[in-house]
């Protein structure tokens, strides 16, 4: 097929996806997070839930378990996570009865080639995230029409305009953010009402939890994500992009 025809077809598919996302946002604008997730599983094709099993992940995982315990749950193990996170992942999965949790890791060949000593994070944290998170997740998401995230507007300025449904740049997939409009109080109340287990590091001052070398405790009054890549010009791990590029602290959507 000639290049101009390929570009025309891609443009047509992009417009169709954008229209679908707009229709989904209009349909579920005033609905609950549970309704948004349920609607995504019914109306957005083959969907997976991507979870870090971090500080607030259990909320979305519980909703998924209520709807369908067999929903695919993709957990990216960077092999640099806290031991507490790995234990928590197993405990939460068993407690909620999730039957389709898939642990995703980087290919050993890629690690040996690009980060044989585990020191890539020191000279290029973005490249480390791409190697250990973005590439493995993109491979795992191949074949899915969309994925569910736990992102929320209150988490950072770059997420302030987050919608329930959005088009993922460059992939032809839909991203679903059921908790987009939740406030911190909503998360706390949901966890308490459903007696959900907290990540053990939360009580030790970690309101946002990523890889162990790149996550530090947060002091009172600091932004909840201040402990992620502290003192670096970096705010996202690379899994989430805006206009085709990784979002950094201070950048606008």
C-alpha atoms as a PDB file:
ATOM      1  CA  UNK A   1       0.000   0.000   0.000  1.00  0.00           C
ATOM      2  CA  UNK A   2       1.404   3.460  -0.910  1.00  0.00           C
ATOM      3  CA  UNK A   3       2.594   5.652   1.952  1.00  0.00           C
ATOM      4  CA  UNK A   4      -0.122   8.261   1.452  1.00  0.00           C
ATOM      5  CA  UNK A   5      -2.807   5.578   1.663  1.00  0.00           C
ATOM      6  CA  UNK A   6      -1.242   4.183   4.838  1.00  0.00           C
ATOM      7  CA  UNK A   7      -1.213   7.661   6.386  1.00  0.00           C
ATOM      8  CA  UNK A   8      -4.823   8.203   5.361  1.00  0.00           C
ATOM      9  CA  UNK A   9      -5.869   4.911   6.924  1.00  0.00           C
ATOM     10  CA  UNK A  10      -3.965   5.652  10.133  1.00  0.00           C
ATOM     11  CA  UNK A  11      -5.591   9.064  10.305  1.00  0.00           C
ATOM     12  CA  UNK A  12      -9.001   7.485   9.860  1.00  0.00           C
ATOM     13  CA  UNK A  13      -8.344   4.984  12.638  1.00  0.00           C
ATOM     14  CA  UNK A  14      -7.087   7.737  14.935  1.00  0.00           C
ATOM     15  CA  UNK A  15     -10.222   9.823  14.334  1.00  0.00           C
ATOM     16  CA  UNK A  16     -12.458   6.818  14.960  1.00  0.00           C
ATOM     17  CA  UNK A  17     -10.646   6.082  18.239  1.00  0.00           C
ATOM     18  CA  UNK A  18     -10.858   9.730  19.302  1.00  0.00           C
ATOM     19  CA  UNK A  19     -14.593   9.746  18.590  1.00  0.00           C
ATOM     20  CA  UNK A  20     -15.034   6.522  20.559  1.00  0.00           C
ATOM     21  CA  UNK A  21     -13.193   7.986  23.555  1.00  0.00           C
ATOM     22  CA  UNK A  22     -15.225  11.193  23.394  1.00  0.00           C
ATOM     23  CA  UNK A  23     -18.450   9.172  23.319  1.00  0.00           C
ATOM     24  CA  UNK A  24     -17.325   7.077  26.305  1.00  0.00           C
ATOM     25  CA  UNK A  25     -16.432  10.187  28.311  1.00  0.00           C
ATOM     26  CA  UNK A  26     -19.818  11.718  27.519  1.00  0.00           C
ATOM     27  CA  UNK A  27     -21.661   8.520  28.429  1.00  0.00           C
ATOM     28  CA  UNK A  28     -19.906   8.009  31.773  1.00  0.00           C
ATOM     29  CA  UNK A  29     -19.247  11.635  32.732  1.00  0.00           C
ATOM     30  CA  UNK A  30     -21.442  11.509  35.833  1.00  0.00           C
ATOM     31  CA  UNK A  31     -20.966   7.842  36.680  1.00  0.00           C
ATOM     32  CA  UNK A  32     -19.024   6.182  39.485  1.00  0.00           C
ATOM     33  CA  UNK A  33     -15.556   4.664  39.188  1.00  0.00           C
ATOM     34  CA  UNK A  34     -17.132   1.211  39.386  1.00  0.00           C
ATOM     35  CA  UNK A  35     -19.439   2.065  36.467  1.00  0.00           C
ATOM     36  CA  UNK A  36     -16.525   3.399  34.425  1.00  0.00           C
ATOM     37  CA  UNK A  37     -14.528   0.207  34.908  1.00  0.00           C
ATOM     38  CA  UNK A  38     -17.538  -1.987  34.194  1.00  0.00           C
ATOM     39  CA  UNK A  39     -18.314   0.074  31.089  1.00  0.00           C
ATOM     40  CA  UNK A  40     -14.750  -0.178  29.860  1.00  0.00           C
ATOM     41  CA  UNK A  41     -14.810  -3.943  30.116  1.00  0.00           C
ATOM     42  CA  UNK A  42     -18.088  -4.024  28.171  1.00  0.00           C
ATOM     43  CA  UNK A  43     -17.589  -1.264  25.610  1.00  0.00           C
ATOM     44  CA  UNK A  44     -13.840  -0.822  24.994  1.00  0.00           C
ATOM     45  CA  UNK A  45     -12.815  -4.246  23.702  1.00  0.00           C
ATOM     46  CA  UNK A  46     -10.154  -6.446  25.276  1.00  0.00           C
ATOM     47  CA  UNK A  47      -8.971  -4.660  28.413  1.00  0.00           C
ATOM     48  CA  UNK A  48      -6.245  -5.357  30.977  1.00  0.00           C
ATOM     49  CA  UNK A  49      -5.703  -3.714  34.356  1.00  0.00           C
ATOM     50  CA  UNK A  50      -2.153  -2.523  34.939  1.00  0.00           C
ATOM     51  CA  UNK A  51      -1.244  -2.328  38.621  1.00  0.00           C
ATOM     52  CA  UNK A  52       1.899  -1.396  40.523  1.00  0.00           C
ATOM     53  CA  UNK A  53       0.481  -2.884  43.735  1.00  0.00           C
ATOM     54  CA  UNK A  54       1.520   0.391  45.301  1.00  0.00           C
ATOM     55  CA  UNK A  55       0.055   2.611  47.997  1.00  0.00           C
ATOM     56  CA  UNK A  56      -3.448   2.991  46.519  1.00  0.00           C
ATOM     57  CA  UNK A  57      -3.558   0.120  44.035  1.00  0.00           C
ATOM     58  CA  UNK A  58      -5.777  -2.088  46.180  1.00  0.00           C
ATOM     59  CA  UNK A  59      -8.794   0.164  45.500  1.00  0.00           C
ATOM     60  CA  UNK A  60      -8.810  -0.511  41.768  1.00  0.00           C
ATOM     61  CA  UNK A  61      -7.902  -4.161  42.292  1.00  0.00           C
ATOM     62  CA  UNK A  62     -10.854  -4.586  44.657  1.00  0.00           C
ATOM     63  CA  UNK A  63     -13.230  -3.010  42.123  1.00  0.00           C
ATOM     64  CA  UNK A  64     -11.905  -5.341  39.452  1.00  0.00           C
ATOM     65  CA  UNK A  65     -12.367  -8.366  41.703  1.00  0.00           C
ATOM     66  CA  UNK A  66     -15.978  -7.377  42.380  1.00  0.00           C
ATOM     67  CA  UNK A  67     -16.697  -7.124  38.653  1.00  0.00           C
ATOM     68  CA  UNK A  68     -14.642 -10.043  37.321  1.00  0.00           C
ATOM     69  CA  UNK A  69     -11.940 -11.933  39.214  1.00  0.00           C
ATOM     70  CA  UNK A  70     -10.531 -13.240  35.932  1.00  0.00           C
ATOM     71  CA  UNK A  71      -9.713  -9.818  34.473  1.00  0.00           C
ATOM     72  CA  UNK A  72      -6.065  -9.761  33.280  1.00  0.00           C
ATOM     73  CA  UNK A  73      -3.941  -7.888  35.840  1.00  0.00           C
ATOM     74  CA  UNK A  74      -0.478  -6.923  34.621  1.00  0.00           C
ATOM     75  CA  UNK A  75       2.127  -6.322  37.319  1.00  0.00           C
ATOM     76  CA  UNK A  76       5.463  -4.972  36.097  1.00  0.00           C
ATOM     77  CA  UNK A  77       8.269  -6.298  38.294  1.00  0.00           C
ATOM     78  CA  UNK A  78      11.270  -4.099  37.517  1.00  0.00           C
ATOM     79  CA  UNK A  79      13.441  -6.354  39.694  1.00  0.00           C
ATOM     80  CA  UNK A  80      14.224  -3.232  41.715  1.00  0.00           C
ATOM     81  CA  UNK A  81      11.020  -3.125  43.740  1.00  0.00           C
ATOM     82  CA  UNK A  82      10.805  -3.123  47.515  1.00  0.00           C
ATOM     83  CA  UNK A  83      10.526  -6.598  49.023  1.00  0.00           C
ATOM     84  CA  UNK A  84       7.413  -5.299  50.775  1.00  0.00           C
ATOM     85  CA  UNK A  85       5.790  -4.631  47.390  1.00  0.00           C
ATOM     86  CA  UNK A  86       6.452  -8.169  46.161  1.00  0.00           C
ATOM     87  CA  UNK A  87       4.974  -9.672  49.321  1.00  0.00           C
ATOM     88  CA  UNK A  88       2.015  -7.276  49.198  1.00  0.00           C
ATOM     89  CA  UNK A  89       1.316  -8.243  45.576  1.00  0.00           C
ATOM     90  CA  UNK A  90       0.979 -11.898  46.512  1.00  0.00           C
ATOM     91  CA  UNK A  91      -1.098 -11.228  49.612  1.00  0.00           C
ATOM     92  CA  UNK A  92      -3.549  -8.864  47.893  1.00  0.00           C
ATOM     93  CA  UNK A  93      -3.973 -11.142  44.877  1.00  0.00           C
ATOM     94  CA  UNK A  94      -4.814 -14.072  47.120  1.00  0.00           C
ATOM     95  CA  UNK A  95      -7.108 -12.095  49.407  1.00  0.00           C
ATOM     96  CA  UNK A  96      -9.122 -10.636  46.511  1.00  0.00           C
ATOM     97  CA  UNK A  97      -9.190 -13.922  44.617  1.00  0.00           C
ATOM     98  CA  UNK A  98      -7.692 -12.455  41.460  1.00  0.00           C
ATOM     99  CA  UNK A  99      -7.205 -15.387  39.107  1.00  0.00           C
ATOM    100  CA  UNK A 100      -5.305 -13.823  36.228  1.00  0.00           C
ATOM    101  CA  UNK A 101      -2.361 -11.843  37.619  1.00  0.00           C
ATOM    102  CA  UNK A 102       0.556 -11.787  35.200  1.00  0.00           C
ATOM    103  CA  UNK A 103       4.006 -10.756  36.415  1.00  0.00           C
ATOM    104  CA  UNK A 104       5.821  -8.852  33.673  1.00  0.00           C
ATOM    105  CA  UNK A 105       9.598  -8.457  33.574  1.00  0.00           C
ATOM    106  CA  UNK A 106      12.189  -7.199  31.107  1.00  0.00           C
ATOM    107  CA  UNK A 107      13.802  -9.796  28.879  1.00  0.00           C
ATOM    108  CA  UNK A 108      17.027 -11.089  30.411  1.00  0.00           C
ATOM    109  CA  UNK A 109      18.820 -10.506  27.122  1.00  0.00           C
ATOM    110  CA  UNK A 110      17.816  -6.822  27.205  1.00  0.00           C
ATOM    111  CA  UNK A 111      18.982  -6.436  30.802  1.00  0.00           C
ATOM    112  CA  UNK A 112      22.344  -8.047  30.093  1.00  0.00           C
ATOM    113  CA  UNK A 113      22.844  -5.817  27.067  1.00  0.00           C
ATOM    114  CA  UNK A 114      21.678  -2.471  28.470  1.00  0.00           C
ATOM    115  CA  UNK A 115      22.006  -2.723  32.248  1.00  0.00           C
ATOM    116  CA  UNK A 116      24.204  -5.696  33.231  1.00  0.00           C
ATOM    117  CA  UNK A 117      25.212  -4.195  36.592  1.00  0.00           C
ATOM    118  CA  UNK A 118      21.892  -2.542  37.518  1.00  0.00           C
ATOM    119  CA  UNK A 119      23.493   0.905  37.428  1.00  0.00           C
ATOM    120  CA  UNK A 120      21.682   2.415  34.434  1.00  0.00           C
ATOM    121  CA  UNK A 121      19.382   4.300  36.815  1.00  0.00           C
ATOM    122  CA  UNK A 122      22.345   6.320  38.080  1.00  0.00           C
ATOM    123  CA  UNK A 123      23.331   7.819  34.748  1.00  0.00           C
ATOM    124  CA  UNK A 124      20.007   7.749  32.898  1.00  0.00           C
ATOM    125  CA  UNK A 125      16.875   7.090  35.007  1.00  0.00           C
ATOM    126  CA  UNK A 126      14.615   7.624  31.992  1.00  0.00           C
ATOM    127  CA  UNK A 127      16.401   4.867  30.062  1.00  0.00           C
ATOM    128  CA  UNK A 128      16.155   2.596  33.097  1.00  0.00           C
ATOM    129  CA  UNK A 129      12.393   3.113  33.252  1.00  0.00           C
ATOM    130  CA  UNK A 130      12.052   2.432  29.540  1.00  0.00           C
ATOM    131  CA  UNK A 131      14.089  -0.768  29.818  1.00  0.00           C
ATOM    132  CA  UNK A 132      12.445  -2.151  32.943  1.00  0.00           C
ATOM    133  CA  UNK A 133       8.897  -0.765  32.708  1.00  0.00           C
ATOM    134  CA  UNK A 134       7.829   0.717  29.399  1.00  0.00           C
ATOM    135  CA  UNK A 135       9.143  -1.913  26.978  1.00  0.00           C
ATOM    136  CA  UNK A 136       7.975  -4.930  29.045  1.00  0.00           C
ATOM    137  CA  UNK A 137       4.530  -3.379  29.514  1.00  0.00           C
ATOM    138  CA  UNK A 138       4.124  -2.506  25.850  1.00  0.00           C
ATOM    139  CA  UNK A 139       4.992  -6.086  24.955  1.00  0.00           C
ATOM    140  CA  UNK A 140       2.472  -7.385  27.473  1.00  0.00           C
ATOM    141  CA  UNK A 141      -0.254  -5.047  26.189  1.00  0.00           C
ATOM    142  CA  UNK A 142       0.117  -6.181  22.596  1.00  0.00           C
ATOM    143  CA  UNK A 143      -3.238  -7.533  21.476  1.00  0.00           C
ATOM    144  CA  UNK A 144      -5.248  -5.529  24.016  1.00  0.00           C
ATOM    145  CA  UNK A 145      -7.544  -2.705  22.941  1.00  0.00           C
ATOM    146  CA  UNK A 146      -6.968  -0.761  26.136  1.00  0.00           C
ATOM    147  CA  UNK A 147      -5.798  -0.791  29.731  1.00  0.00           C
ATOM    148  CA  UNK A 148      -7.012   0.433  33.090  1.00  0.00           C
ATOM    149  CA  UNK A 149      -4.787   2.685  35.219  1.00  0.00           C
ATOM    150  CA  UNK A 150      -5.049   4.041  38.748  1.00  0.00           C
ATOM    151  CA  UNK A 151      -4.082   7.610  37.861  1.00  0.00           C
ATOM    152  CA  UNK A 152      -5.900  10.459  39.580  1.00  0.00           C
ATOM    153  CA  UNK A 153      -6.070  14.197  38.983  1.00  0.00           C
ATOM    154  CA  UNK A 154      -4.836  15.112  42.449  1.00  0.00           C
ATOM    155  CA  UNK A 155      -1.545  13.225  42.092  1.00  0.00           C
ATOM    156  CA  UNK A 156       0.303  15.896  40.114  1.00  0.00           C
ATOM    157  CA  UNK A 157      -0.126  18.963  37.942  1.00  0.00           C
ATOM    158  CA  UNK A 158       0.476  16.913  34.800  1.00  0.00           C
ATOM    159  CA  UNK A 159      -2.666  14.896  35.619  1.00  0.00           C
ATOM    160  CA  UNK A 160      -4.948  17.815  36.518  1.00  0.00           C
ATOM    161  CA  UNK A 161      -7.124  17.498  33.403  1.00  0.00           C
ATOM    162  CA  UNK A 162      -7.264  13.696  33.348  1.00  0.00           C
ATOM    163  CA  UNK A 163     -10.458  12.188  31.881  1.00  0.00           C
ATOM    164  CA  UNK A 164     -11.991   8.756  32.449  1.00  0.00           C
ATOM    165  CA  UNK A 165     -11.052   7.657  28.934  1.00  0.00           C
ATOM    166  CA  UNK A 166      -8.180   8.842  26.758  1.00  0.00           C
ATOM    167  CA  UNK A 167      -6.338   7.840  23.609  1.00  0.00           C
ATOM    168  CA  UNK A 168      -2.859   6.497  24.247  1.00  0.00           C
ATOM    169  CA  UNK A 169      -0.352   8.183  21.973  1.00  0.00           C
ATOM    170  CA  UNK A 170       1.082   6.034  19.218  1.00  0.00           C
ATOM    171  CA  UNK A 171      -0.517   2.714  20.135  1.00  0.00           C
ATOM    172  CA  UNK A 172      -4.146   2.781  19.030  1.00  0.00           C
ATOM    173  CA  UNK A 173      -5.210   1.790  22.544  1.00  0.00           C
ATOM    174  CA  UNK A 174      -7.577   3.366  25.041  1.00  0.00           C
ATOM    175  CA  UNK A 175      -6.461   4.205  28.561  1.00  0.00           C
ATOM    176  CA  UNK A 176      -9.132   4.044  31.243  1.00  0.00           C
ATOM    177  CA  UNK A 177      -8.789   6.039  34.460  1.00  0.00           C
ATOM    178  CA  UNK A 178     -11.761   5.108  36.689  1.00  0.00           C
ATOM    179  CA  UNK A 179     -10.386   7.018  39.680  1.00  0.00           C
ATOM    180  CA  UNK A 180      -9.538  10.187  37.736  1.00  0.00           C
ATOM    181  CA  UNK A 181     -11.885  12.413  39.742  1.00  0.00           C
ATOM    182  CA  UNK A 182     -11.242  10.883  43.172  1.00  0.00           C
ATOM    183  CA  UNK A 183      -9.746  12.912  46.008  1.00  0.00           C
ATOM    184  CA  UNK A 184      -7.395  11.482  48.647  1.00  0.00           C
ATOM    185  CA  UNK A 185     -10.328  11.286  51.060  1.00  0.00           C
ATOM    186  CA  UNK A 186     -12.263   9.094  48.605  1.00  0.00           C
ATOM    187  CA  UNK A 187      -9.379   6.627  48.505  1.00  0.00           C
ATOM    188  CA  UNK A 188      -9.092   6.519  52.293  1.00  0.00           C
ATOM    189  CA  UNK A 189     -12.824   6.032  52.830  1.00  0.00           C
ATOM    190  CA  UNK A 190     -13.070   3.282  50.220  1.00  0.00           C
ATOM    191  CA  UNK A 191     -10.193   1.364  51.763  1.00  0.00           C
ATOM    192  CA  UNK A 192     -11.628   1.692  55.257  1.00  0.00           C
ATOM    193  CA  UNK A 193     -15.192   0.764  54.293  1.00  0.00           C
ATOM    194  CA  UNK A 194     -13.995  -2.329  52.445  1.00  0.00           C
ATOM    195  CA  UNK A 195     -11.333  -3.177  55.029  1.00  0.00           C
ATOM    196  CA  UNK A 196      -8.623  -3.361  52.424  1.00  0.00           C
ATOM    197  CA  UNK A 197      -5.015  -4.028  53.441  1.00  0.00           C
ATOM    198  CA  UNK A 198      -2.597  -1.127  53.157  1.00  0.00           C
ATOM    199  CA  UNK A 199       0.832  -1.381  51.638  1.00  0.00           C
ATOM    200  CA  UNK A 200       3.183  -1.728  54.646  1.00  0.00           C
ATOM    201  CA  UNK A 201       5.417   1.124  53.463  1.00  0.00           C
ATOM    202  CA  UNK A 202       2.609   3.694  53.683  1.00  0.00           C
ATOM    203  CA  UNK A 203       2.876   3.719  57.469  1.00  0.00           C
ATOM    204  CA  UNK A 204       6.606   4.411  57.079  1.00  0.00           C
ATOM    205  CA  UNK A 205       6.089   7.612  55.087  1.00  0.00           C
ATOM    206  CA  UNK A 206       5.788   6.346  51.519  1.00  0.00           C
ATOM    207  CA  UNK A 207       2.456   7.618  50.052  1.00  0.00           C
ATOM    208  CA  UNK A 208       3.688   6.849  46.522  1.00  0.00           C
ATOM    209  CA  UNK A 209       5.788   3.744  45.947  1.00  0.00           C
ATOM    210  CA  UNK A 210       7.957   2.795  42.989  1.00  0.00           C
ATOM    211  CA  UNK A 211      11.354   1.150  42.706  1.00  0.00           C
ATOM    212  CA  UNK A 212      13.374   1.009  45.929  1.00  0.00           C
ATOM    213  CA  UNK A 213      16.433   2.968  44.681  1.00  0.00           C
ATOM    214  CA  UNK A 214      14.267   5.778  43.299  1.00  0.00           C
ATOM    215  CA  UNK A 215      11.681   6.163  46.089  1.00  0.00           C
ATOM    216  CA  UNK A 216      12.197   7.963  49.390  1.00  0.00           C
ATOM    217  CA  UNK A 217       9.940   8.843  52.343  1.00  0.00           C
ATOM    218  CA  UNK A 218       7.814  11.993  52.099  1.00  0.00           C
ATOM    219  CA  UNK A 219       7.834  14.618  54.832  1.00  0.00           C
ATOM    220  CA  UNK A 220       4.676  16.161  56.250  1.00  0.00           C
ATOM    221  CA  UNK A 221       3.381  18.883  53.937  1.00  0.00           C
ATOM    222  CA  UNK A 222       5.193  17.610  50.851  1.00  0.00           C
ATOM    223  CA  UNK A 223       3.450  16.515  47.676  1.00  0.00           C
ATOM    224  CA  UNK A 224       2.584  12.789  47.913  1.00  0.00           C
ATOM    225  CA  UNK A 225       4.818  12.075  44.899  1.00  0.00           C
ATOM    226  CA  UNK A 226       7.753  14.141  46.182  1.00  0.00           C
ATOM    227  CA  UNK A 227       9.577  10.966  47.106  1.00  0.00           C
ATOM    228  CA  UNK A 228       9.587   9.659  43.549  1.00  0.00           C
ATOM    229  CA  UNK A 229      12.883  10.486  41.807  1.00  0.00           C
ATOM    230  CA  UNK A 230      13.637  13.112  44.456  1.00  0.00           C
ATOM    231  CA  UNK A 231      15.839  15.989  43.275  1.00  0.00           C
ATOM    232  CA  UNK A 232      15.545  14.861  39.663  1.00  0.00           C
ATOM    233  CA  UNK A 233      13.729  16.527  36.774  1.00  0.00           C
ATOM    234  CA  UNK A 234      11.427  13.541  36.444  1.00  0.00           C
ATOM    235  CA  UNK A 235       7.815  12.886  37.434  1.00  0.00           C
ATOM    236  CA  UNK A 236       6.594   9.898  35.397  1.00  0.00           C
ATOM    237  CA  UNK A 237       8.099   6.449  34.883  1.00  0.00           C
ATOM    238  CA  UNK A 238       7.599   6.455  31.115  1.00  0.00           C
ATOM    239  CA  UNK A 239       4.543   4.233  31.061  1.00  0.00           C
ATOM    240  CA  UNK A 240       2.420   7.365  30.603  1.00  0.00           C
ATOM    241  CA  UNK A 241       3.126   9.779  27.773  1.00  0.00           C
ATOM    242  CA  UNK A 242       1.718  13.131  26.646  1.00  0.00           C
ATOM    243  CA  UNK A 243       1.979  14.147  22.994  1.00  0.00           C
ATOM    244  CA  UNK A 244       4.324  11.251  22.365  1.00  0.00           C
ATOM    245  CA  UNK A 245       6.882  12.050  25.046  1.00  0.00           C
ATOM    246  CA  UNK A 246       7.536  11.231  28.681  1.00  0.00           C
ATOM    247  CA  UNK A 247       6.091  13.795  31.063  1.00  0.00           C
ATOM    248  CA  UNK A 248       8.618  15.493  33.312  1.00  0.00           C
ATOM    249  CA  UNK A 249       8.020  17.624  36.350  1.00  0.00           C
ATOM    250  CA  UNK A 250       6.906  21.127  35.442  1.00  0.00           C
ATOM    251  CA  UNK A 251       5.790  20.268  31.927  1.00  0.00           C
ATOM    252  CA  UNK A 252       2.247  20.952  30.792  1.00  0.00           C
ATOM    253  CA  UNK A 253      -0.160  18.599  29.073  1.00  0.00           C
END
